[in-house]
Amino acid sequence: MSPSGRPQPLSLMFLLGMGMALERMNCPSRCTCQYLEVNCTGQQLHEFPTAIPLDTRQLILVANNISYLPAVELSFLADLVYLDCRKNFLGDDLDFTFVGMAKLVYLDLSFNNLTQVTFSTFSNLLSLVVLKISDNPNLVAIERNAFTNNTWLRHLDVSRTGLTFLDTSTVRDLPNLRFLGLSDNLWHCNCSFLDFVTWMTESNVHFPDADNITCYTPEGLHAQKMPVVEAQLHFSCLTQLYKQDYIFLCLIGFCIFFAGTMTAWLAGICVVIYEFHTSKGEEEEKEEDPVT
């Protein structure tokens, strides 16, 4: 230590070396650690790593064999802002997994085995800006309120999944959404999908790889791009009558006919009764008049 109180270069090197040694001691096995970052890429891990420093900001678990994320261990990482879990075997139920991770900004769950997204899956991620759940071929359902709490969400990628339908309100109600990946899905372009297609053409959201956002079914619209599909759906859905429509119209027609018939019948009865009483009154008056 110099007379001025400043540590000498040798002391600085010693402190730095001690800090690095302490960091290595706190680093999970088979992972590498830098300042506030833990990287476990490609280590063939089958379980979530233990002994992760509690002040970790960035955790990378890419290309492992992890099938389960423990909610309790994740909740200890309250300062985590970046979590990359690409290319693992995460699937089935992720509800309530991310409790206590309100600071998380970036989450990548692509190339996994996700099957559904519910309100409880990401509802605790109040600061989430980027969410990537693409390349999950078994992902077939996203609840309409799945992202209700993720109002800061700006980048959402659901490309190359098993989705056939997405409710318009699921993404329309995200005020900060600017990027939405939808390509190479199995979109079923029926009349229920018309509202979503119309929103796509009218919104300011960017759709990357737009040429590959096409219909998979029905057969008549297979491989058709969304702008073309919108025009066709507008024509067919707003002018075409289905079986239930014809049944409804027949019921309405029958009700109108029945009501008209009953009205005419009642009116006829009223006229007959009126005429009967009128003629009877005239006869009584004649009988009461004296013969002149």
Protein backbone atom coordinates (compact mmCIF):
# COMPACT_ATOMS: atom_id res chain seq x y z
CA MET A 1 0.00 0.00 0.00
CA SER A 2 1.40 3.42 -0.98
CA PRO A 3 1.49 6.32 1.50
CA SER A 4 -1.45 7.84 -0.38
CA GLY A 5 -3.57 4.83 0.51
CA ARG A 6 -3.76 3.47 -3.05
CA PRO A 7 -2.97 -0.25 -3.59
CA GLN A 8 0.25 -0.99 -5.47
CA PRO A 9 0.10 -2.87 -8.81
CA LEU A 10 1.18 -6.06 -7.09
CA SER A 11 -1.68 -5.75 -4.62
CA LEU A 12 -4.12 -5.14 -7.47
CA MET A 13 -2.97 -8.27 -9.25
CA PHE A 14 -3.29 -10.24 -6.04
CA LEU A 15 -6.84 -8.99 -5.44
CA LEU A 16 -7.77 -9.68 -9.04
CA GLY A 17 -6.37 -13.19 -8.81
CA MET A 18 -8.26 -13.81 -5.60
CA GLY A 19 -11.47 -12.59 -7.23
CA MET A 20 -11.02 -14.88 -10.23
CA ALA A 21 -10.24 -17.84 -7.99
CA LEU A 22 -13.35 -17.15 -5.91
CA GLU A 23 -15.41 -16.89 -9.10
CA ARG A 24 -14.16 -20.27 -10.29
CA MET A 25 -15.00 -21.77 -6.89
CA ASN A 26 -18.59 -20.54 -7.23
CA CYS A 27 -18.94 -21.68 -10.84
CA PRO A 28 -21.08 -24.77 -11.58
CA SER A 29 -19.25 -27.88 -12.65
CA ARG A 30 -18.58 -28.15 -16.43
CA CYS A 31 -19.57 -24.50 -16.94
CA THR A 32 -17.52 -21.38 -17.51
CA CYS A 33 -18.11 -18.20 -15.56
CA GLN A 34 -17.27 -14.63 -16.31
CA TYR A 35 -18.46 -11.49 -14.58
CA LEU A 36 -22.19 -12.05 -13.86
CA GLU A 37 -22.42 -14.69 -16.63
CA VAL A 38 -22.62 -18.48 -16.45
CA ASN A 39 -22.19 -20.39 -19.71
CA CYS A 40 -22.92 -24.14 -19.84
CA THR A 41 -23.25 -24.53 -23.62
CA GLY A 42 -22.91 -28.03 -25.05
CA GLN A 43 -21.97 -29.81 -21.82
CA GLN A 44 -24.51 -32.63 -22.21
CA LEU A 45 -26.12 -31.67 -18.91
CA HIS A 46 -29.18 -33.71 -17.97
CA GLU A 47 -30.17 -31.54 -15.03
CA PHE A 48 -30.24 -27.86 -14.20
CA PRO A 49 -26.75 -26.91 -12.93
CA THR A 50 -26.29 -26.30 -9.22
CA ALA A 51 -24.19 -23.74 -7.36
CA ILE A 52 -25.00 -20.89 -9.76
CA PRO A 53 -23.91 -17.57 -8.20
CA LEU A 54 -26.96 -15.72 -6.94
CA ASP A 55 -25.90 -12.46 -8.60
CA THR A 56 -25.82 -14.04 -12.09
CA ARG A 57 -27.34 -11.82 -14.76
CA GLN A 58 -26.86 -14.06 -17.81
CA LEU A 59 -27.35 -17.85 -17.88
CA ILE A 60 -26.70 -19.85 -21.04
CA LEU A 61 -27.78 -23.50 -21.16
CA VAL A 62 -27.73 -24.05 -24.94
CA ALA A 63 -27.43 -27.54 -26.46
CA ASN A 64 -27.86 -29.78 -23.44
CA ASN A 65 -30.27 -32.55 -22.44
CA ILE A 66 -32.19 -30.67 -19.77
CA SER A 67 -35.87 -31.63 -19.58
CA TYR A 68 -36.88 -29.75 -16.46
CA LEU A 69 -36.35 -26.26 -15.05
CA PRO A 70 -36.70 -26.18 -11.24
CA ALA A 71 -38.82 -23.23 -10.20
CA VAL A 72 -37.25 -22.96 -6.73
CA GLU A 73 -33.65 -22.80 -7.99
CA LEU A 74 -34.64 -20.28 -10.67
CA SER A 75 -36.40 -18.09 -8.10
CA PHE A 76 -33.07 -17.68 -6.27
CA LEU A 77 -31.69 -15.98 -9.41
CA ALA A 78 -33.78 -12.88 -8.85
CA ASP A 79 -31.36 -10.63 -10.78
CA LEU A 80 -31.30 -12.78 -13.92
CA VAL A 81 -32.07 -10.77 -17.08
CA TYR A 82 -30.97 -13.21 -19.82
CA LEU A 83 -31.83 -16.92 -20.02
CA ASP A 84 -31.00 -19.01 -23.09
CA CYS A 85 -32.29 -22.60 -23.04
CA ARG A 86 -32.19 -23.40 -26.75
CA LYS A 87 -31.79 -26.97 -27.95
CA ASN A 88 -32.83 -28.89 -24.88
CA PHE A 89 -35.74 -31.22 -24.08
CA LEU A 90 -37.95 -28.86 -22.14
CA GLY A 91 -41.62 -29.61 -22.60
CA ASP A 92 -44.97 -30.50 -21.15
CA ASP A 93 -45.77 -28.16 -18.27
CA LEU A 94 -43.79 -24.95 -17.70
CA ASP A 95 -46.55 -23.25 -15.70
CA PHE A 96 -45.26 -21.34 -12.67
CA THR A 97 -41.66 -22.19 -13.59
CA PHE A 98 -40.53 -18.56 -13.79
CA VAL A 99 -41.98 -17.30 -10.51
CA GLY A 100 -39.73 -14.69 -8.90
CA MET A 101 -37.95 -13.71 -12.13
CA ALA A 102 -39.55 -10.31 -12.62
CA LYS A 103 -36.32 -8.81 -14.03
CA LEU A 104 -35.93 -11.30 -16.88
CA VAL A 105 -35.78 -9.46 -20.21
CA TYR A 106 -34.65 -12.17 -22.67
CA LEU A 107 -35.90 -15.76 -22.78
CA ASP A 108 -35.10 -18.29 -25.50
CA LEU A 109 -36.91 -21.65 -25.36
CA SER A 110 -36.62 -22.50 -29.06
CA PHE A 111 -35.75 -26.02 -30.25
CA ASN A 112 -37.44 -27.77 -27.33
CA ASN A 113 -40.56 -29.89 -26.80
CA LEU A 114 -43.07 -27.30 -25.60
CA THR A 115 -46.67 -28.37 -26.12
CA GLN A 116 -48.71 -25.39 -24.91
CA VAL A 117 -48.47 -21.88 -23.49
CA THR A 118 -50.98 -20.84 -20.85
CA PHE A 119 -51.47 -17.68 -18.82
CA SER A 120 -49.42 -19.21 -15.99
CA THR A 121 -46.41 -19.98 -18.19
CA PHE A 122 -44.98 -16.46 -18.51
CA SER A 123 -47.33 -14.38 -16.33
CA ASN A 124 -44.60 -13.60 -13.78
CA LEU A 125 -42.15 -12.24 -16.36
CA LEU A 126 -43.27 -8.64 -16.08
CA SER A 127 -40.15 -7.19 -17.75
CA LEU A 128 -39.92 -9.63 -20.67
CA VAL A 129 -38.98 -7.97 -23.96
CA VAL A 130 -37.79 -10.89 -26.14
CA LEU A 131 -39.45 -14.32 -26.17
CA LYS A 132 -38.41 -17.03 -28.60
CA ILE A 133 -40.43 -20.24 -28.62
CA SER A 134 -39.90 -21.17 -32.26
CA ASP A 135 -38.96 -24.64 -33.52
CA ASN A 136 -41.15 -26.45 -31.02
CA PRO A 137 -42.98 -28.85 -33.37
CA ASN A 138 -45.28 -30.09 -30.59
CA LEU A 139 -46.47 -26.62 -29.62
CA VAL A 140 -50.12 -26.71 -30.69
CA ALA A 141 -51.88 -24.25 -28.39
CA ILE A 142 -51.33 -20.74 -27.05
CA GLU A 143 -54.09 -19.47 -24.79
CA ARG A 144 -55.62 -16.14 -25.79
CA ASN A 145 -54.50 -14.52 -22.51
CA ALA A 146 -51.06 -16.16 -22.47
CA PHE A 147 -49.17 -12.84 -22.71
CA THR A 148 -51.56 -10.58 -20.81
CA ASN A 149 -48.91 -9.66 -18.22
CA ASN A 150 -46.07 -9.31 -20.73
CA THR A 151 -46.90 -5.76 -21.75
CA TRP A 152 -43.23 -4.92 -22.51
CA LEU A 153 -42.94 -7.77 -25.01
CA ARG A 154 -41.41 -6.43 -28.21
CA HIS A 155 -40.08 -9.52 -29.99
CA LEU A 156 -42.10 -12.76 -30.18
CA ASP A 157 -41.18 -15.72 -32.36
CA VAL A 158 -43.52 -18.71 -32.75
CA SER A 159 -42.21 -19.86 -36.14
CA ARG A 160 -41.95 -23.54 -37.10
CA THR A 161 -44.30 -24.94 -34.47
CA GLY A 162 -47.44 -27.06 -34.61
CA LEU A 163 -49.76 -24.06 -34.33
CA THR A 164 -52.81 -24.03 -36.59
CA PHE A 165 -54.60 -21.07 -34.99
CA LEU A 166 -53.73 -17.98 -32.95
CA ASP A 167 -56.38 -15.76 -31.43
CA THR A 168 -56.03 -12.16 -32.59
CA SER A 169 -56.30 -10.71 -29.08
CA THR A 170 -53.27 -12.76 -28.00
CA VAL A 171 -50.93 -10.46 -29.93
CA ARG A 172 -53.11 -7.45 -30.77
CA ASP A 173 -53.28 -6.42 -27.12
CA LEU A 174 -49.47 -6.24 -26.75
CA PRO A 175 -48.82 -2.47 -26.92
CA ASN A 176 -45.05 -2.71 -27.57
CA LEU A 177 -44.97 -5.63 -30.01
CA ARG A 178 -42.85 -4.83 -33.08
CA PHE A 179 -41.58 -8.22 -34.29
CA LEU A 180 -43.68 -11.37 -34.70
CA GLY A 181 -42.37 -14.57 -36.26
CA LEU A 182 -45.13 -16.77 -37.75
CA SER A 183 -43.49 -18.59 -40.66
CA ASP A 184 -43.69 -22.29 -41.49
CA ASN A 185 -46.62 -23.10 -39.25
CA LEU A 186 -49.66 -25.25 -40.07
CA TRP A 187 -52.15 -22.38 -40.27
CA HIS A 188 -55.76 -23.45 -40.84
CA CYS A 189 -57.19 -20.60 -42.89
CA ASN A 190 -60.92 -20.82 -42.28
CA CYS A 191 -63.39 -18.07 -41.42
CA SER A 192 -62.28 -18.10 -37.77
CA PHE A 193 -58.80 -17.10 -38.97
CA LEU A 194 -60.04 -14.13 -41.01
CA ASP A 195 -59.83 -11.67 -38.11
CA PHE A 196 -56.17 -12.59 -37.50
CA VAL A 197 -55.24 -12.26 -41.18
CA THR A 198 -56.93 -8.85 -41.33
CA TRP A 199 -55.00 -7.72 -38.25
CA MET A 200 -51.73 -8.82 -39.89
CA THR A 201 -52.34 -6.64 -42.94
CA GLU A 202 -53.40 -3.61 -40.91
CA SER A 203 -50.90 -3.66 -38.02
CA ASN A 204 -47.47 -2.01 -37.84
CA VAL A 205 -45.81 -5.20 -36.62
CA HIS A 206 -42.92 -6.59 -38.69
CA PHE A 207 -43.35 -10.19 -39.88
CA PRO A 208 -39.97 -11.67 -40.89
CA ASP A 209 -39.85 -14.33 -43.58
CA ALA A 210 -43.32 -13.21 -44.68
CA ASP A 211 -43.17 -15.31 -47.85
CA ASN A 212 -43.30 -18.44 -45.71
CA ILE A 213 -46.34 -17.37 -43.68
CA THR A 214 -48.81 -19.44 -45.66
CA CYS A 215 -51.91 -21.56 -45.18
CA TYR A 216 -51.57 -25.28 -44.68
CA THR A 217 -55.28 -26.09 -44.82
CA PRO A 218 -57.86 -26.17 -46.36
CA GLU A 219 -56.57 -27.72 -49.56
CA GLY A 220 -57.91 -24.90 -51.72
CA LEU A 221 -55.75 -22.36 -49.87
CA HIS A 222 -52.68 -24.52 -49.33
CA ALA A 223 -49.40 -22.56 -49.68
CA GLN A 224 -51.29 -19.30 -50.25
CA LYS A 225 -49.74 -16.17 -48.70
CA MET A 226 -51.71 -14.12 -46.21
CA PRO A 227 -52.55 -11.05 -48.37
CA VAL A 228 -54.09 -13.30 -51.02
CA VAL A 229 -55.85 -15.37 -48.39
CA GLU A 230 -57.43 -12.30 -46.81
CA ALA A 231 -59.22 -11.35 -50.03
CA GLN A 232 -60.47 -14.90 -50.59
CA LEU A 233 -61.65 -15.31 -47.01
CA HIS A 234 -63.44 -11.97 -47.11
CA PHE A 235 -65.35 -13.10 -50.18
CA SER A 236 -66.17 -16.62 -49.03
CA CYS A 237 -66.82 -15.94 -45.35
CA LEU A 238 -68.92 -12.81 -45.77
CA THR A 239 -71.06 -14.06 -48.67
CA GLN A 240 -71.27 -17.80 -48.22
CA LEU A 241 -74.12 -19.38 -46.28
CA TYR A 242 -73.50 -22.59 -44.42
CA LYS A 243 -75.95 -25.35 -43.48
CA GLN A 244 -76.69 -23.82 -40.09
CA ASP A 245 -77.40 -20.49 -41.80
CA TYR A 246 -80.02 -22.09 -44.04
CA ILE A 247 -81.61 -23.83 -41.06
CA PHE A 248 -81.75 -20.53 -39.22
CA LEU A 249 -83.33 -18.75 -42.18
CA CYS A 250 -85.90 -21.54 -42.55
CA LEU A 251 -86.81 -21.27 -38.88
CA ILE A 252 -87.15 -17.51 -39.16
CA GLY A 253 -89.33 -17.91 -42.28
CA PHE A 254 -91.52 -20.48 -40.59
CA CYS A 255 -91.94 -18.24 -37.53
CA ILE A 256 -92.89 -15.29 -39.71
CA PHE A 257 -95.36 -17.42 -41.71
CA PHE A 258 -96.87 -18.89 -38.53
CA ALA A 259 -97.14 -15.48 -36.89
CA GLY A 260 -98.78 -14.01 -40.01
CA THR A 261 -101.25 -16.91 -40.27
CA MET A 262 -102.20 -16.65 -36.62
CA THR A 263 -102.61 -12.88 -36.92
CA ALA A 264 -104.91 -13.26 -39.95
CA TRP A 265 -106.93 -15.99 -38.20
CA LEU A 266 -107.38 -13.92 -35.06
CA ALA A 267 -108.30 -10.87 -37.13
CA GLY A 268 -110.91 -12.94 -39.01
CA ILE A 269 -112.43 -14.20 -35.76
CA CYS A 270 -112.58 -10.66 -34.41
CA VAL A 271 -114.39 -9.47 -37.56
CA VAL A 272 -116.91 -12.33 -37.40
CA ILE A 273 -117.63 -11.67 -33.72
CA TYR A 274 -117.98 -7.96 -34.37
CA GLU A 275 -120.41 -8.52 -37.27
CA PHE A 276 -122.37 -11.04 -35.23
CA HIS A 277 -122.87 -8.64 -32.33
CA THR A 278 -123.64 -5.78 -34.70
CA SER A 279 -126.35 -7.70 -36.58
CA LYS A 280 -127.84 -9.03 -33.33
CA GLY A 281 -128.04 -5.50 -31.96
CA GLU A 282 -129.89 -4.30 -35.08
CA GLU A 283 -132.44 -7.14 -34.82
CA GLU A 284 -133.14 -6.33 -31.17
CA GLU A 285 -133.70 -2.68 -32.04
CA LYS A 286 -136.24 -3.63 -34.73
CA GLU A 287 -138.15 -5.85 -32.31
CA GLU A 288 -138.37 -3.04 -29.77
CA ASP A 289 -139.71 -0.48 -32.29
CA PRO A 290 -143.65 -0.27 -32.34
CA VAL A 291 -145.39 -1.28 -35.49
CA THR A 292 -146.54 1.77 -37.29
